[in-house]
Amino acid sequence: MTVWGDVVGQPEAVAELSRAAALDTSMTHAWLFTGPPGSGRSNAARAFAAALECEFGGCGECTACHTVLAGTHADVREIVPEGLSISVAEMRNLVQLAARRPSTGKWQILVITDADRLTEGASNALLKAVEEPADQTVFLLCAPSDHPEDVPVTIRSRCRVVYLRAPAPEAIAEVLVERDGIEPETAHWAASVSGGHVGRARRLARDADARQRRERILGVPLRLRHLGDAFAFADDLVREAESEASDMSGARDASEREELAVAMGAGGTGKGAAQAARGAKAAERELEKRQKSRNTRTQRDALDRALVDLAGFYRDVLVSGSPVALMNPDRESEVAQAAREWSPESALRRLEAVLACREALELNVKPRIAVEAMMTRLQQG
């Protein structure tokens, strides 16, 4: 199995990247991977990094391939933003590291999995490095699209763009069965309702809680009858997102605080103990700030997954009765009922309300306010 095994349903992109890795003497030093959520942008970038470091172009068996894919290669650094953005300080530090000569591999590679989260200052720091890259440095950026709102034109124009598409359900189901050992029936169902998102399909196939959350959110449209329902469902949705974020972050936060305490000499005595304690307080405040930002991001990601499900339902109502495939084929009867009860204009207004809520969350509107506003609009039609 080669390094391209996790790049699902992207034969054209894999062919292009394989050729580039084989002809690395004329390598482009900046690449931009774009595509819809779940298309595998970061997987493609990670596989390409492995192919570049591999003597055989991505065999999947050598030490270079294994360490890059595991995230432990000395010359490959991957930025996965835990908070709402990537700061200028973080980017400057990583750009400086990426400019060094490789220690064990052929290239110094910097993978930015969410380039659309770069702050303006971080974008400027990256731009300088992309404009004048070191001979053995490669930048791999991933973003939902190459629109200026996601990636500034100044950076985009200096990158070679690799376009990915949403993989077909059949390709996703095949991966779930062959690589994850999931039962074929479950795999095909998860692939059919994932909207072309491989990670979401895998989560639905493996996680009973994820399936239950989907059931609850897809039950909202036809149960939303009164204004009181709107506020009750909004409260449920926000509390569930908060709970999910807390479950995901709790153990990690505690472990990080314990590691920091040990690193700062907790319980020590002697001349340096007081100075170390003062330094520990500052480090604790910085850690708490990062953890809070990460928790906010996790909560909003959980909310967004629910909103994507809602948007898919209202989209299905709009196309009900046409030859267009449903995003939720397992909810066909509910979709048909909604199509009978609502006019197309009403269904469209509801879809727009969901999309407006997603946009509001991206603009840092408080989740409860954004979700309550959406639910009242859904109730009104």
Protein backbone atom coordinates (compact mmCIF):
# COMPACT_ATOMS: atom_id res chain seq x y z
CA MET A 1 0.00 0.00 0.00
CA THR A 2 1.38 3.42 -0.97
CA VAL A 3 1.06 6.74 0.84
CA TRP A 4 -1.93 7.60 -1.36
CA GLY A 5 -4.20 5.05 0.28
CA ASP A 6 -6.06 7.64 2.39
CA VAL A 7 -6.60 10.04 -0.51
CA VAL A 8 -10.07 8.79 -1.42
CA GLY A 9 -11.66 9.29 -4.85
CA GLN A 10 -9.04 11.71 -6.21
CA PRO A 11 -7.29 9.90 -9.11
CA GLU A 12 -6.43 13.09 -11.05
CA ALA A 13 -4.91 14.80 -8.03
CA VAL A 14 -2.94 11.69 -7.05
CA ALA A 15 -1.56 11.39 -10.59
CA GLU A 16 -0.47 15.06 -10.60
CA LEU A 17 1.16 14.86 -7.19
CA SER A 18 2.89 11.56 -7.97
CA ARG A 19 4.43 13.08 -11.10
CA ALA A 20 5.61 16.11 -9.14
CA ALA A 21 7.21 13.94 -6.46
CA ALA A 22 8.99 11.88 -9.10
CA LEU A 23 10.37 15.03 -10.78
CA ASP A 24 11.41 16.81 -7.60
CA THR A 25 14.37 18.54 -9.24
CA SER A 26 11.91 21.10 -10.65
CA MET A 27 9.63 21.19 -7.61
CA THR A 28 7.15 23.98 -7.03
CA HIS A 29 7.89 25.40 -3.58
CA ALA A 30 4.30 26.35 -2.64
CA TRP A 31 1.14 24.30 -3.15
CA LEU A 32 -2.49 25.05 -2.32
CA PHE A 33 -4.88 22.13 -1.80
CA THR A 34 -8.51 23.17 -2.13
CA GLY A 35 -11.79 21.29 -2.05
CA PRO A 36 -15.04 20.93 -0.10
CA PRO A 37 -15.01 19.78 3.54
CA GLY A 38 -14.21 16.09 3.77
CA SER A 39 -12.54 15.88 0.38
CA GLY A 40 -9.24 14.99 2.04
CA ARG A 41 -7.17 18.16 1.64
CA SER A 42 -4.93 17.49 4.63
CA ASN A 43 -4.64 13.78 3.77
CA ALA A 44 -3.51 14.69 0.25
CA ALA A 45 -0.98 17.23 1.56
CA ARG A 46 0.36 14.75 4.14
CA ALA A 47 0.66 12.00 1.52
CA PHE A 48 2.45 14.38 -0.84
CA ALA A 49 4.89 15.33 1.92
CA ALA A 50 5.63 11.63 2.46
CA ALA A 51 6.13 11.08 -1.26
CA LEU A 52 8.59 13.99 -1.40
CA GLU A 53 10.65 12.63 1.49
CA CYS A 54 10.51 9.02 0.24
CA GLU A 55 13.35 7.76 -1.97
CA PHE A 56 10.79 5.77 -3.98
CA GLY A 57 8.15 8.47 -4.45
CA GLY A 58 5.76 7.34 -1.72
CA CYS A 59 6.18 3.59 -1.26
CA GLY A 60 4.32 3.61 2.06
CA GLU A 61 6.75 1.11 3.57
CA CYS A 62 9.97 3.00 4.34
CA THR A 63 10.87 4.95 7.48
CA ALA A 64 10.34 8.30 5.76
CA CYS A 65 6.79 7.40 4.71
CA HIS A 66 5.87 6.02 8.13
CA THR A 67 7.27 8.97 10.08
CA VAL A 68 5.68 11.62 7.85
CA LEU A 69 2.25 9.97 8.00
CA ALA A 70 2.62 9.52 11.77
CA GLY A 71 3.59 13.17 12.22
CA THR A 72 7.06 12.43 13.65
CA HIS A 73 9.38 13.22 10.72
CA ALA A 74 12.06 15.72 11.74
CA ASP A 75 11.74 17.78 8.55
CA VAL A 76 7.95 17.89 8.17
CA ARG A 77 5.97 20.27 10.38
CA GLU A 78 2.19 20.31 10.34
CA ILE A 79 0.10 23.17 11.70
CA VAL A 80 -3.33 22.07 12.90
CA PRO A 81 -4.89 25.17 14.50
CA GLU A 82 -6.61 24.29 17.75
CA GLY A 83 -8.13 27.74 18.23
CA LEU A 84 -9.99 30.15 16.03
CA SER A 85 -6.92 31.36 14.14
CA ILE A 86 -3.20 30.93 13.45
CA SER A 87 -1.23 33.75 15.06
CA VAL A 88 1.57 35.78 13.50
CA ALA A 89 4.00 34.70 16.25
CA GLU A 90 3.33 31.02 15.57
CA MET A 91 3.73 31.50 11.82
CA ARG A 92 6.98 33.46 12.11
CA ASN A 93 8.48 30.78 14.32
CA LEU A 94 7.49 27.98 11.95
CA VAL A 95 8.66 29.85 8.86
CA GLN A 96 12.08 30.30 10.46
CA LEU A 97 12.28 26.59 11.25
CA ALA A 98 11.16 25.66 7.73
CA ALA A 99 13.95 27.78 6.22
CA ARG A 100 16.64 25.54 7.72
CA ARG A 101 18.35 22.81 5.75
CA PRO A 102 16.75 19.36 6.10
CA SER A 103 18.29 17.21 8.81
CA THR A 104 17.36 13.74 7.54
CA GLY A 105 15.14 14.11 4.47
CA LYS A 106 15.32 15.81 1.09
CA TRP A 107 13.03 18.71 1.98
CA GLN A 108 11.91 20.93 4.83
CA ILE A 109 8.11 20.81 4.51
CA LEU A 110 5.55 23.01 6.25
CA VAL A 111 1.93 21.76 6.07
CA ILE A 112 -0.78 24.26 7.05
CA THR A 113 -4.02 22.29 7.31
CA ASP A 114 -6.35 25.30 7.72
CA ALA A 115 -4.76 28.17 5.82
CA ASP A 116 -8.09 30.02 5.88
CA ARG A 117 -7.55 30.58 9.62
CA LEU A 118 -4.39 32.65 9.14
CA THR A 119 -4.64 36.11 10.66
CA GLU A 120 -3.62 39.05 8.49
CA GLY A 121 -0.25 39.25 10.24
CA ALA A 122 0.31 35.49 9.87
CA SER A 123 -0.55 35.71 6.15
CA ASN A 124 2.00 38.47 5.69
CA ALA A 125 4.67 36.44 7.49
CA LEU A 126 3.92 33.44 5.29
CA LEU A 127 3.85 35.56 2.12
CA LYS A 128 7.41 36.73 2.66
CA ALA A 129 8.59 33.14 2.98
CA VAL A 130 6.60 31.96 -0.05
CA GLU A 131 7.97 34.82 -2.17
CA GLU A 132 11.57 33.93 -1.36
CA PRO A 133 11.61 30.26 -0.34
CA ALA A 134 14.75 28.43 0.65
CA ASP A 135 15.97 25.97 -1.97
CA GLN A 136 14.90 22.91 -0.01
CA THR A 137 11.68 24.24 1.57
CA VAL A 138 8.16 23.36 0.44
CA PHE A 139 4.92 24.92 1.72
CA LEU A 140 1.71 22.89 1.51
CA LEU A 141 -1.43 24.94 2.28
CA CYS A 142 -4.95 23.54 2.65
CA ALA A 143 -8.12 25.66 2.39
CA PRO A 144 -11.80 25.15 1.47
CA SER A 145 -11.34 27.22 -1.69
CA ASP A 146 -8.87 29.56 -3.37
CA HIS A 147 -11.22 32.52 -2.93
CA PRO A 148 -9.51 35.63 -1.54
CA GLU A 149 -11.61 35.36 1.63
CA ASP A 150 -9.97 31.99 2.31
CA VAL A 151 -6.48 32.59 0.93
CA PRO A 152 -5.18 36.07 0.05
CA VAL A 153 -4.57 36.59 -3.65
CA THR A 154 -0.94 37.46 -2.96
CA ILE A 155 -0.33 33.99 -1.53
CA ARG A 156 -2.63 32.13 -3.90
CA SER A 157 -0.90 33.57 -6.98
CA ARG A 158 2.41 32.08 -5.81
CA CYS A 159 1.01 28.59 -5.26
CA ARG A 160 0.35 25.68 -7.56
CA VAL A 161 -3.28 24.78 -6.92
CA VAL A 162 -4.50 21.19 -6.54
CA TYR A 163 -8.28 20.91 -6.76
CA LEU A 164 -9.98 18.06 -4.90
CA ARG A 165 -13.60 17.00 -5.27
CA ALA A 166 -16.08 15.38 -2.93
CA PRO A 167 -15.48 11.62 -3.29
CA ALA A 168 -18.32 9.41 -4.49
CA PRO A 169 -20.24 7.39 -1.87
CA GLU A 170 -19.01 4.17 -3.46
CA ALA A 171 -15.37 5.19 -2.98
CA ILE A 172 -15.99 6.17 0.64
CA ALA A 173 -17.82 2.92 1.41
CA GLU A 174 -15.00 0.90 -0.12
CA VAL A 175 -12.45 2.59 2.15
CA LEU A 176 -14.61 2.06 5.24
CA VAL A 177 -14.97 -1.64 4.49
CA GLU A 178 -11.43 -2.44 3.37
CA ARG A 179 -9.39 -0.15 5.62
CA ASP A 180 -11.56 0.31 8.70
CA GLY A 181 -13.17 -3.14 8.83
CA ILE A 182 -16.72 -1.75 8.97
CA GLU A 183 -19.66 -3.93 7.98
CA PRO A 184 -20.62 -3.30 4.31
CA GLU A 185 -24.23 -2.36 5.10
CA THR A 186 -23.17 0.19 7.73
CA ALA A 187 -20.40 1.50 5.48
CA HIS A 188 -22.73 2.07 2.53
CA TRP A 189 -25.30 3.80 4.74
CA ALA A 190 -22.69 6.09 6.32
CA ALA A 191 -21.21 6.92 2.92
CA SER A 192 -24.64 7.72 1.47
CA VAL A 193 -25.47 10.28 4.19
CA SER A 194 -22.01 11.81 4.65
CA GLY A 195 -22.25 14.36 1.84
CA GLY A 196 -18.93 13.21 0.42
CA HIS A 197 -17.13 13.77 3.74
CA VAL A 198 -14.88 10.79 4.49
CA GLY A 199 -14.25 11.71 8.13
CA ARG A 200 -17.94 12.21 8.80
CA ALA A 201 -18.79 8.87 7.21
CA ARG A 202 -16.20 7.16 9.39
CA ARG A 203 -17.55 8.88 12.52
CA LEU A 204 -21.14 7.90 11.75
CA ALA A 205 -20.16 4.32 11.03
CA ARG A 206 -18.14 3.92 14.23
CA ASP A 207 -19.78 6.19 16.79
CA ALA A 208 -23.28 5.43 18.08
CA ASP A 209 -23.41 8.84 19.80
CA ALA A 210 -22.75 10.58 16.47
CA ARG A 211 -25.62 8.63 14.89
CA GLN A 212 -27.94 9.60 17.75
CA ARG A 213 -26.99 13.28 17.44
CA ARG A 214 -27.78 13.16 13.74
CA GLU A 215 -31.16 11.55 14.45
CA ARG A 216 -32.02 14.26 16.95
CA ILE A 217 -31.09 17.18 14.71
CA LEU A 218 -32.88 15.75 11.66
CA GLY A 219 -35.99 15.32 13.79
CA VAL A 220 -36.14 19.05 14.51
CA PRO A 221 -37.67 20.42 11.24
CA LEU A 222 -40.98 18.56 11.50
CA ARG A 223 -41.24 18.95 15.30
CA LEU A 224 -40.66 22.70 15.28
CA ARG A 225 -44.27 23.88 15.59
CA HIS A 226 -44.37 26.66 18.20
CA LEU A 227 -42.12 29.53 19.24
CA GLY A 228 -41.42 27.76 22.54
CA ASP A 229 -40.11 24.80 20.55
CA ALA A 230 -37.60 27.10 18.85
CA PHE A 231 -36.00 28.17 22.12
CA ALA A 232 -36.13 24.65 23.57
CA PHE A 233 -34.41 23.12 20.53
CA ALA A 234 -31.86 25.96 20.45
CA ASP A 235 -31.02 25.29 24.09
CA ASP A 236 -30.67 21.55 23.43
CA LEU A 237 -28.41 22.14 20.44
CA VAL A 238 -26.07 24.55 22.23
CA ARG A 239 -25.88 22.45 25.41
CA GLU A 240 -25.10 19.34 23.40
CA ALA A 241 -22.29 21.13 21.54
CA GLU A 242 -20.90 22.40 24.85
CA SER A 243 -21.05 18.90 26.32
CA GLU A 244 -19.34 17.37 23.30
CA ALA A 245 -16.58 20.00 23.44
CA SER A 246 -16.14 19.45 27.17
CA ASP A 247 -15.87 15.68 26.73
CA MET A 248 -13.26 16.09 24.01
CA SER A 249 -11.20 18.72 25.83
CA GLY A 250 -11.50 17.74 29.50
CA ALA A 251 -8.96 14.93 29.71
CA ARG A 252 -6.53 16.70 27.38
CA ASP A 253 -6.73 19.96 29.34
CA ALA A 254 -6.02 18.19 32.62
CA SER A 255 -3.07 16.32 31.11
CA GLU A 256 -1.59 19.54 29.71
CA ARG A 257 -1.91 21.30 33.08
CA GLU A 258 -0.20 18.38 34.82
CA GLU A 259 2.62 18.31 32.26
CA LEU A 260 3.13 22.06 32.65
CA ALA A 261 3.27 21.79 36.42
CA VAL A 262 5.95 19.10 36.21
CA ALA A 263 7.93 21.08 33.64
CA MET A 264 7.86 24.18 35.85
CA GLY A 265 9.13 22.27 38.89
CA ALA A 266 5.94 22.03 40.94
CA GLY A 267 6.66 21.28 44.59
CA GLY A 268 10.31 22.28 44.30
CA THR A 269 12.24 24.14 47.00
CA GLY A 270 15.37 26.25 47.05
CA LYS A 271 16.55 29.60 45.74
CA GLY A 272 14.99 29.24 42.31
CA ALA A 273 11.59 28.01 43.53
CA ALA A 274 10.00 31.45 43.87
CA GLN A 275 11.21 32.57 40.46
CA ALA A 276 10.00 29.32 38.91
CA ALA A 277 6.60 29.81 40.57
CA ARG A 278 6.26 33.27 39.01
CA GLY A 279 7.16 31.84 35.61
CA ALA A 280 4.69 29.03 36.13
CA LYS A 281 1.84 31.49 36.73
CA ALA A 282 2.51 33.21 33.39
CA ALA A 283 2.74 29.86 31.62
CA GLU A 284 -0.51 28.73 33.22
CA ARG A 285 -2.31 31.84 31.99
CA GLU A 286 -1.02 31.27 28.48
CA LEU A 287 -2.08 27.60 28.60
CA GLU A 288 -5.55 28.54 29.86
CA LYS A 289 -5.89 31.03 27.01
CA ARG A 290 -4.98 28.36 24.43
CA GLN A 291 -7.30 25.80 26.02
CA LYS A 292 -10.21 28.26 26.06
CA SER A 293 -9.68 29.08 22.38
CA ARG A 294 -9.48 25.38 21.52
CA ASN A 295 -12.66 24.63 23.46
CA THR A 296 -14.48 27.43 21.62
CA ARG A 297 -13.33 26.03 18.29
CA THR A 298 -14.40 22.51 19.26
CA GLN A 299 -17.83 23.72 20.34
CA ARG A 300 -18.36 25.64 17.11
CA ASP A 301 -17.21 22.68 15.04
CA ALA A 302 -19.79 20.51 16.84
CA LEU A 303 -22.49 23.11 16.15
CA ASP A 304 -21.45 23.34 12.53
CA ARG A 305 -21.80 19.61 12.03
CA ALA A 306 -25.39 19.84 13.27
CA LEU A 307 -26.08 22.83 11.02
CA VAL A 308 -24.73 20.97 8.00
CA ASP A 309 -27.23 18.19 8.75
CA LEU A 310 -30.07 20.73 8.99
CA ALA A 311 -29.03 22.46 5.78
CA GLY A 312 -28.96 19.09 4.03
CA PHE A 313 -32.52 18.35 5.12
CA TYR A 314 -33.89 21.66 3.83
CA ARG A 315 -31.94 21.26 0.61
CA ASP A 316 -33.51 17.81 0.18
CA VAL A 317 -36.97 19.34 0.62
CA LEU A 318 -36.23 21.76 -2.20
CA VAL A 319 -35.20 19.00 -4.62
CA SER A 320 -37.84 16.50 -3.47
CA GLY A 321 -39.63 14.89 -6.40
CA SER A 322 -36.83 15.66 -8.85
CA PRO A 323 -34.18 13.27 -10.22
CA VAL A 324 -31.55 14.89 -7.97
CA ALA A 325 -30.16 12.54 -5.31
CA LEU A 326 -31.01 13.31 -1.68
CA MET A 327 -28.28 14.10 0.82
CA ASN A 328 -30.28 12.14 3.41
CA PRO A 329 -31.77 9.21 1.49
CA ASP A 330 -32.69 7.49 4.75
CA ARG A 331 -35.06 10.40 5.57
CA GLU A 332 -36.98 10.27 2.30
CA SER A 333 -40.42 9.99 3.92
CA GLU A 334 -39.83 12.96 6.25
CA VAL A 335 -38.47 15.02 3.35
CA ALA A 336 -41.55 14.21 1.27
CA GLN A 337 -43.84 15.18 4.16
CA ALA A 338 -42.07 18.52 4.59
CA ALA A 339 -42.28 19.17 0.84
CA ARG A 340 -46.06 18.68 1.02
CA GLU A 341 -46.46 20.99 4.03
CA TRP A 342 -44.12 23.83 2.96
CA SER A 343 -43.95 25.90 -0.17
CA PRO A 344 -40.60 25.97 -2.02
CA GLU A 345 -40.20 29.59 -0.93
CA SER A 346 -40.66 28.60 2.71
CA ALA A 347 -38.14 25.76 2.41
CA LEU A 348 -35.67 28.14 0.81
CA ARG A 349 -36.08 30.67 3.62
CA ARG A 350 -35.41 27.94 6.14
CA LEU A 351 -32.27 26.85 4.29
CA GLU A 352 -31.07 30.46 4.18
CA ALA A 353 -31.64 30.75 7.94
CA VAL A 354 -29.33 27.78 8.57
CA LEU A 355 -26.66 29.16 6.26
CA ALA A 356 -26.94 32.57 7.93
CA CYS A 357 -26.37 30.91 11.33
CA ARG A 358 -23.21 29.22 10.06
CA GLU A 359 -21.94 32.54 8.79
CA ALA A 360 -22.78 34.26 12.08
CA LEU A 361 -20.77 31.68 14.02
CA GLU A 362 -17.78 32.26 11.73
CA LEU A 363 -18.09 35.97 12.55
CA ASN A 364 -17.88 35.12 16.27
CA VAL A 365 -21.52 35.81 17.14
CA LYS A 366 -22.30 34.11 20.46
CA PRO A 367 -23.54 30.59 19.64
CA ARG A 368 -26.72 30.79 21.72
CA ILE A 369 -27.81 34.06 20.08
CA ALA A 370 -27.07 32.78 16.58
CA VAL A 371 -28.84 29.45 17.12
CA GLU A 372 -31.91 31.02 18.78
CA ALA A 373 -32.24 33.48 15.89
CA MET A 374 -32.03 30.59 13.42
CA MET A 375 -34.58 28.46 15.25
CA THR A 376 -37.14 31.28 15.39
CA ARG A 377 -36.76 31.81 11.64
CA LEU A 378 -37.16 28.08 11.04
CA GLN A 379 -40.31 28.04 13.13
CA GLN A 380 -41.77 31.00 11.26
CA GLY A 381 -40.92 29.54 7.85
